[in-house]
């Protein structure tokens, strides 16, 4: 869907692969709440493609809102309401169906999701694209009772970006089962869940080839760091860092068992 959104001739703006993947996860007909809307490119693209009927664009900084207003005027778009808002502070329940948060660190997204849970749980779906600390976002979703039912990993300008789609279970609504990887008997439930939080349950369940590439690359980096610490002759000073790096490498090794990659 992301590629369709990018290429649709009716769309007045062209989105990057990362933002296009996020836009492609929005359910047609849903009203969008774009937190941290920046220049309002995603609402403009979705409205131009006829995917959504309207949107809220919210940002905590005046500059991006001014730029968003200029872009809306440029494209003659009057179906987006812009608001100054720290996270969901200015959102009123019932105003939108889809929550979009892109281009922020995972800690900030985690804070937005958990700060006012009643507002977060008001949405039918959430599309989240953390720039870092992705596991904090997945943990927050689990804490809220939301299920991650789709994930896409994007490689853009040399960086890997996960795009997460989550839904809130509703009474009377039949949702598809949330994909989960099948771990071997050598992987404890706790280790498997930690790996899912860090690397994405859907990506692991699908044995995503780009995730495999990312894991192999990250394993090499962490192995080199550990080797460098061990050869430094000062393991005591680096003990805490070594423990942290070793823990991450163990999670990478756990994730790679899904791909039968043990070398």
Protein backbone atom coordinates (compact mmCIF):
# COMPACT_ATOMS: atom_id res chain seq x y z
CA UNK A 1 0.00 0.00 0.00
CA UNK A 2 2.89 2.37 0.75
CA UNK A 3 4.10 2.19 -2.84
CA UNK A 4 0.56 2.91 -4.11
CA UNK A 5 0.34 5.97 -1.89
CA UNK A 6 3.69 7.21 -3.18
CA UNK A 7 2.87 6.77 -6.85
CA UNK A 8 -0.82 7.76 -6.94
CA UNK A 9 -1.09 10.51 -9.53
CA UNK A 10 -3.79 12.21 -7.44
CA UNK A 11 -1.39 12.66 -4.51
CA UNK A 12 0.12 16.18 -4.60
CA UNK A 13 3.22 15.31 -2.56
CA UNK A 14 5.72 12.50 -2.86
CA UNK A 15 6.56 10.77 0.40
CA UNK A 16 9.84 9.12 1.31
CA UNK A 17 9.84 5.32 1.53
CA UNK A 18 9.63 5.57 5.32
CA UNK A 19 6.69 7.96 5.39
CA UNK A 20 5.06 6.21 2.43
CA UNK A 21 5.11 2.93 4.37
CA UNK A 22 3.44 4.65 7.33
CA UNK A 23 0.83 6.32 5.12
CA UNK A 24 0.11 3.01 3.42
CA UNK A 25 -0.97 1.49 6.75
CA UNK A 26 -3.85 3.93 7.29
CA UNK A 27 -7.23 2.24 6.86
CA UNK A 28 -9.22 3.86 4.02
CA UNK A 29 -12.08 5.98 5.32
CA UNK A 30 -10.52 6.55 8.72
CA UNK A 31 -9.96 10.06 10.06
CA UNK A 32 -6.30 10.69 10.84
CA UNK A 33 -4.63 12.30 13.86
CA UNK A 34 -1.02 13.04 12.90
CA UNK A 35 0.98 13.88 16.03
CA UNK A 36 4.23 15.64 15.17
CA UNK A 37 2.79 16.39 11.74
CA UNK A 38 5.84 18.43 10.72
CA UNK A 39 4.95 19.83 7.26
CA UNK A 40 1.63 17.91 6.97
CA UNK A 41 2.94 15.86 4.05
CA UNK A 42 1.22 12.63 5.14
CA UNK A 43 -2.29 14.14 5.55
CA UNK A 44 -1.93 16.02 2.26
CA UNK A 45 -0.86 12.85 0.43
CA UNK A 46 -3.65 10.73 1.93
CA UNK A 47 -6.31 13.34 1.26
CA UNK A 48 -5.09 13.84 -2.30
CA UNK A 49 -5.24 10.09 -2.89
CA UNK A 50 -8.78 9.91 -1.51
CA UNK A 51 -7.81 7.57 1.32
CA UNK A 52 -8.99 9.65 4.29
CA UNK A 53 -11.86 12.16 4.65
CA UNK A 54 -10.05 14.53 6.99
CA UNK A 55 -7.25 14.91 9.49
CA UNK A 56 -5.88 16.61 12.57
CA UNK A 57 -2.29 17.84 12.36
CA UNK A 58 -0.66 18.48 15.74
CA UNK A 59 2.80 19.64 16.72
CA UNK A 60 4.42 21.08 19.82
CA UNK A 61 6.60 23.54 17.89
CA UNK A 62 5.12 26.60 16.12
CA UNK A 63 7.53 26.48 13.13
CA UNK A 64 6.38 23.14 11.70
CA UNK A 65 2.74 24.15 12.15
CA UNK A 66 3.38 27.33 10.18
CA UNK A 67 5.03 25.30 7.42
CA UNK A 68 2.11 22.86 7.51
CA UNK A 69 -0.31 25.77 7.11
CA UNK A 70 1.69 27.04 4.12
CA UNK A 71 1.60 23.60 2.50
CA UNK A 72 -2.14 23.24 3.08
CA UNK A 73 -2.71 26.63 1.49
CA UNK A 74 -0.38 25.72 -1.39
CA UNK A 75 -2.39 22.59 -2.20
CA UNK A 76 -5.75 24.19 -1.50
CA UNK A 77 -6.46 21.67 1.26
CA UNK A 78 -8.99 22.70 3.92
CA UNK A 79 -9.73 19.30 5.48
CA UNK A 80 -6.87 19.38 8.00
CA UNK A 81 -7.24 21.06 11.40
CA UNK A 82 -3.91 22.21 12.82
CA UNK A 83 -3.37 22.43 16.58
CA UNK A 84 -0.51 23.26 18.90
CA UNK A 85 -0.27 20.19 21.10
CA UNK A 86 2.25 18.33 23.24
CA UNK A 87 1.46 14.77 22.21
CA UNK A 88 -2.27 14.14 22.52
CA UNK A 89 -2.94 17.00 24.96
CA UNK A 90 -5.15 18.90 22.48
CA UNK A 91 -6.90 15.79 21.16
CA UNK A 92 -10.54 15.17 22.09
CA UNK A 93 -11.75 11.55 22.07
CA UNK A 94 -13.87 10.68 19.06
CA UNK A 95 -12.19 13.11 16.68
CA UNK A 96 -10.14 10.55 14.75
CA UNK A 97 -9.75 6.83 14.09
CA UNK A 98 -6.04 6.50 13.20
CA UNK A 99 -3.16 7.76 15.32
CA UNK A 100 0.01 8.49 13.38
CA UNK A 101 3.35 9.27 15.08
CA UNK A 102 6.45 9.28 12.88
CA UNK A 103 9.98 10.64 13.06
CA UNK A 104 10.35 10.69 16.84
CA UNK A 105 12.51 8.73 19.24
CA UNK A 106 10.99 5.71 20.92
CA UNK A 107 11.13 7.28 24.38
CA UNK A 108 9.07 10.25 23.22
CA UNK A 109 6.52 8.02 21.48
CA UNK A 110 6.31 5.81 24.58
CA UNK A 111 5.60 8.89 26.70
CA UNK A 112 2.87 10.10 24.31
CA UNK A 113 1.16 6.69 24.27
CA UNK A 114 1.20 6.21 28.04
CA UNK A 115 0.69 9.78 29.26
CA UNK A 116 -3.07 9.82 28.54
CA UNK A 117 -4.02 6.16 27.95
CA UNK A 118 -7.73 6.92 27.66
CA UNK A 119 -7.01 9.07 24.62
CA UNK A 120 -4.60 6.54 23.14
CA UNK A 121 -7.13 3.74 23.51
CA UNK A 122 -9.77 5.87 21.77
CA UNK A 123 -8.20 5.17 18.35
CA UNK A 124 -9.04 2.20 16.16
CA UNK A 125 -5.44 1.84 15.00
CA UNK A 126 -1.97 3.28 15.61
CA UNK A 127 0.79 3.70 13.04
CA UNK A 128 4.11 4.37 14.73
CA UNK A 129 7.56 4.93 13.26
CA UNK A 130 10.15 5.28 16.04
CA UNK A 131 13.59 6.52 15.01
CA UNK A 132 15.29 4.83 17.98
CA UNK A 133 14.54 2.71 21.07
CA UNK A 134 11.86 0.82 19.15
CA UNK A 135 11.51 -1.77 21.92
CA UNK A 136 10.13 0.91 24.26
CA UNK A 137 7.27 1.53 21.82
CA UNK A 138 6.46 -2.17 21.54
CA UNK A 139 6.54 -2.54 25.35
CA UNK A 140 4.20 0.44 25.68
CA UNK A 141 1.76 -1.11 23.20
CA UNK A 142 1.79 -4.35 25.14
CA UNK A 143 1.16 -2.44 28.36
CA UNK A 144 -1.85 -0.78 26.73
CA UNK A 145 -3.20 -4.13 25.55
CA UNK A 146 -2.70 -3.23 21.88
CA UNK A 147 -1.72 -5.91 19.39
CA UNK A 148 0.94 -5.37 16.73
CA UNK A 149 -0.59 -6.94 13.64
CA UNK A 150 1.70 -5.51 10.91
CA UNK A 151 5.26 -4.28 10.66
CA UNK A 152 7.44 -3.09 7.82
CA UNK A 153 11.19 -2.57 7.99
CA UNK A 154 12.48 0.16 5.67
CA UNK A 155 16.10 0.78 4.68
CA UNK A 156 16.43 4.45 3.77
CA UNK A 157 19.64 6.47 3.44
CA UNK A 158 21.61 3.71 5.14
CA UNK A 159 19.33 3.51 8.21
CA UNK A 160 16.78 0.87 9.18
CA UNK A 161 13.33 2.15 10.18
CA UNK A 162 10.53 -0.05 11.55
CA UNK A 163 6.94 1.02 10.84
CA UNK A 164 4.48 -0.51 13.31
CA UNK A 165 0.71 -0.95 12.94
CA UNK A 166 -1.21 -1.77 16.12
CA UNK A 167 -4.89 -2.27 16.90
CA UNK A 168 -6.91 -2.07 20.10
CA UNK A 169 -9.09 -5.14 20.73
CA UNK A 170 -12.77 -4.16 20.57
CA UNK A 171 -15.77 -6.11 21.77
CA UNK A 172 -17.72 -7.44 18.83
CA UNK A 173 -14.93 -6.82 16.35
CA UNK A 174 -13.17 -9.77 14.73
CA UNK A 175 -9.49 -8.94 14.33
CA UNK A 176 -6.94 -11.17 12.67
CA UNK A 177 -4.70 -13.09 15.08
CA UNK A 178 -1.59 -11.11 16.01
CA UNK A 179 1.43 -12.74 14.34
CA UNK A 180 4.00 -14.19 16.74
CA UNK A 181 7.20 -16.10 15.97
CA UNK A 182 7.48 -19.74 16.95
CA UNK A 183 10.51 -20.14 19.19
CA UNK A 184 12.48 -23.34 19.55
CA UNK A 185 12.60 -25.21 22.87
CA UNK A 186 16.03 -23.75 23.60
CA UNK A 187 14.56 -20.23 23.82
CA UNK A 188 12.86 -19.31 27.09
CA UNK A 189 9.53 -17.40 26.94
CA UNK A 190 11.18 -14.39 28.59
CA UNK A 191 14.05 -14.33 26.08
CA UNK A 192 11.64 -14.74 23.17
CA UNK A 193 9.44 -11.89 24.35
CA UNK A 194 12.46 -9.63 24.85
CA UNK A 195 13.64 -10.39 21.30
CA UNK A 196 10.14 -9.65 19.96
CA UNK A 197 10.09 -6.29 21.73
CA UNK A 198 13.48 -5.35 20.36
CA UNK A 199 13.14 -6.59 16.77
CA UNK A 200 9.40 -6.88 16.11
CA UNK A 201 7.11 -9.92 16.49
CA UNK A 202 5.65 -9.63 12.99
CA UNK A 203 9.04 -9.20 11.33
CA UNK A 204 10.37 -12.23 13.19
CA UNK A 205 7.25 -14.31 12.47
CA UNK A 206 7.56 -13.50 8.76
CA UNK A 207 11.31 -14.16 8.77
CA UNK A 208 11.67 -10.80 7.06
CA UNK A 209 14.78 -10.84 4.81
CA UNK A 210 15.67 -7.22 5.58
CA UNK A 211 15.45 -7.95 9.30
CA UNK A 212 17.82 -10.88 8.77
CA UNK A 213 20.24 -8.56 7.00
CA UNK A 214 19.95 -6.06 9.87
CA UNK A 215 20.53 -8.73 12.52
CA UNK A 216 23.63 -10.15 10.84
CA UNK A 217 25.04 -6.64 10.47
CA UNK A 218 24.31 -5.79 14.11
CA UNK A 219 25.78 -9.05 15.33
CA UNK A 220 29.06 -8.26 13.59
CA UNK A 221 29.14 -4.79 15.14
CA UNK A 222 28.54 -6.10 18.65
CA UNK A 223 31.08 -8.90 18.24
CA UNK A 224 33.72 -6.35 17.23
CA UNK A 225 32.88 -4.13 20.19
CA UNK A 226 33.18 -7.06 22.61
CA UNK A 227 36.48 -8.10 21.04
CA UNK A 228 37.80 -4.55 21.33
CA UNK A 229 36.85 -4.38 25.02
CA UNK A 230 38.44 -7.76 25.73
CA UNK A 231 41.67 -6.72 24.00
CA UNK A 232 41.82 -3.34 25.70
CA UNK A 233 43.35 -4.77 28.86
CA UNK A 234 40.92 -2.76 30.98
CA UNK A 235 37.83 -4.93 31.26
CA UNK A 236 37.11 -3.64 34.77
CA UNK A 237 36.59 -0.07 33.58
CA UNK A 238 34.42 -1.28 30.69
CA UNK A 239 32.59 -3.99 32.67
CA UNK A 240 29.18 -2.31 32.65
CA UNK A 241 29.35 -1.52 28.93
CA UNK A 242 30.51 -5.05 28.18
CA UNK A 243 27.52 -6.52 30.01
CA UNK A 244 25.13 -4.28 28.07
CA UNK A 245 26.71 -5.13 24.68
CA UNK A 246 26.75 -8.84 25.51
CA UNK A 247 23.05 -8.74 26.45
CA UNK A 248 22.13 -7.12 23.15
CA UNK A 249 24.25 -9.63 21.22
CA UNK A 250 22.47 -12.46 23.04
CA UNK A 251 19.13 -11.00 21.93
CA UNK A 252 20.42 -10.82 18.34
CA UNK A 253 21.52 -14.45 18.56
CA UNK A 254 18.08 -15.36 19.92
CA UNK A 255 16.37 -13.57 17.02
CA UNK A 256 18.62 -15.27 14.49
CA UNK A 257 17.46 -18.71 15.64
CA UNK A 258 14.20 -17.91 13.83
CA UNK A 259 16.20 -17.83 10.61
CA UNK A 260 18.21 -20.95 11.58
CA UNK A 261 21.24 -18.66 11.50
CA UNK A 262 23.72 -19.87 14.09
CA UNK A 263 27.08 -19.15 12.51
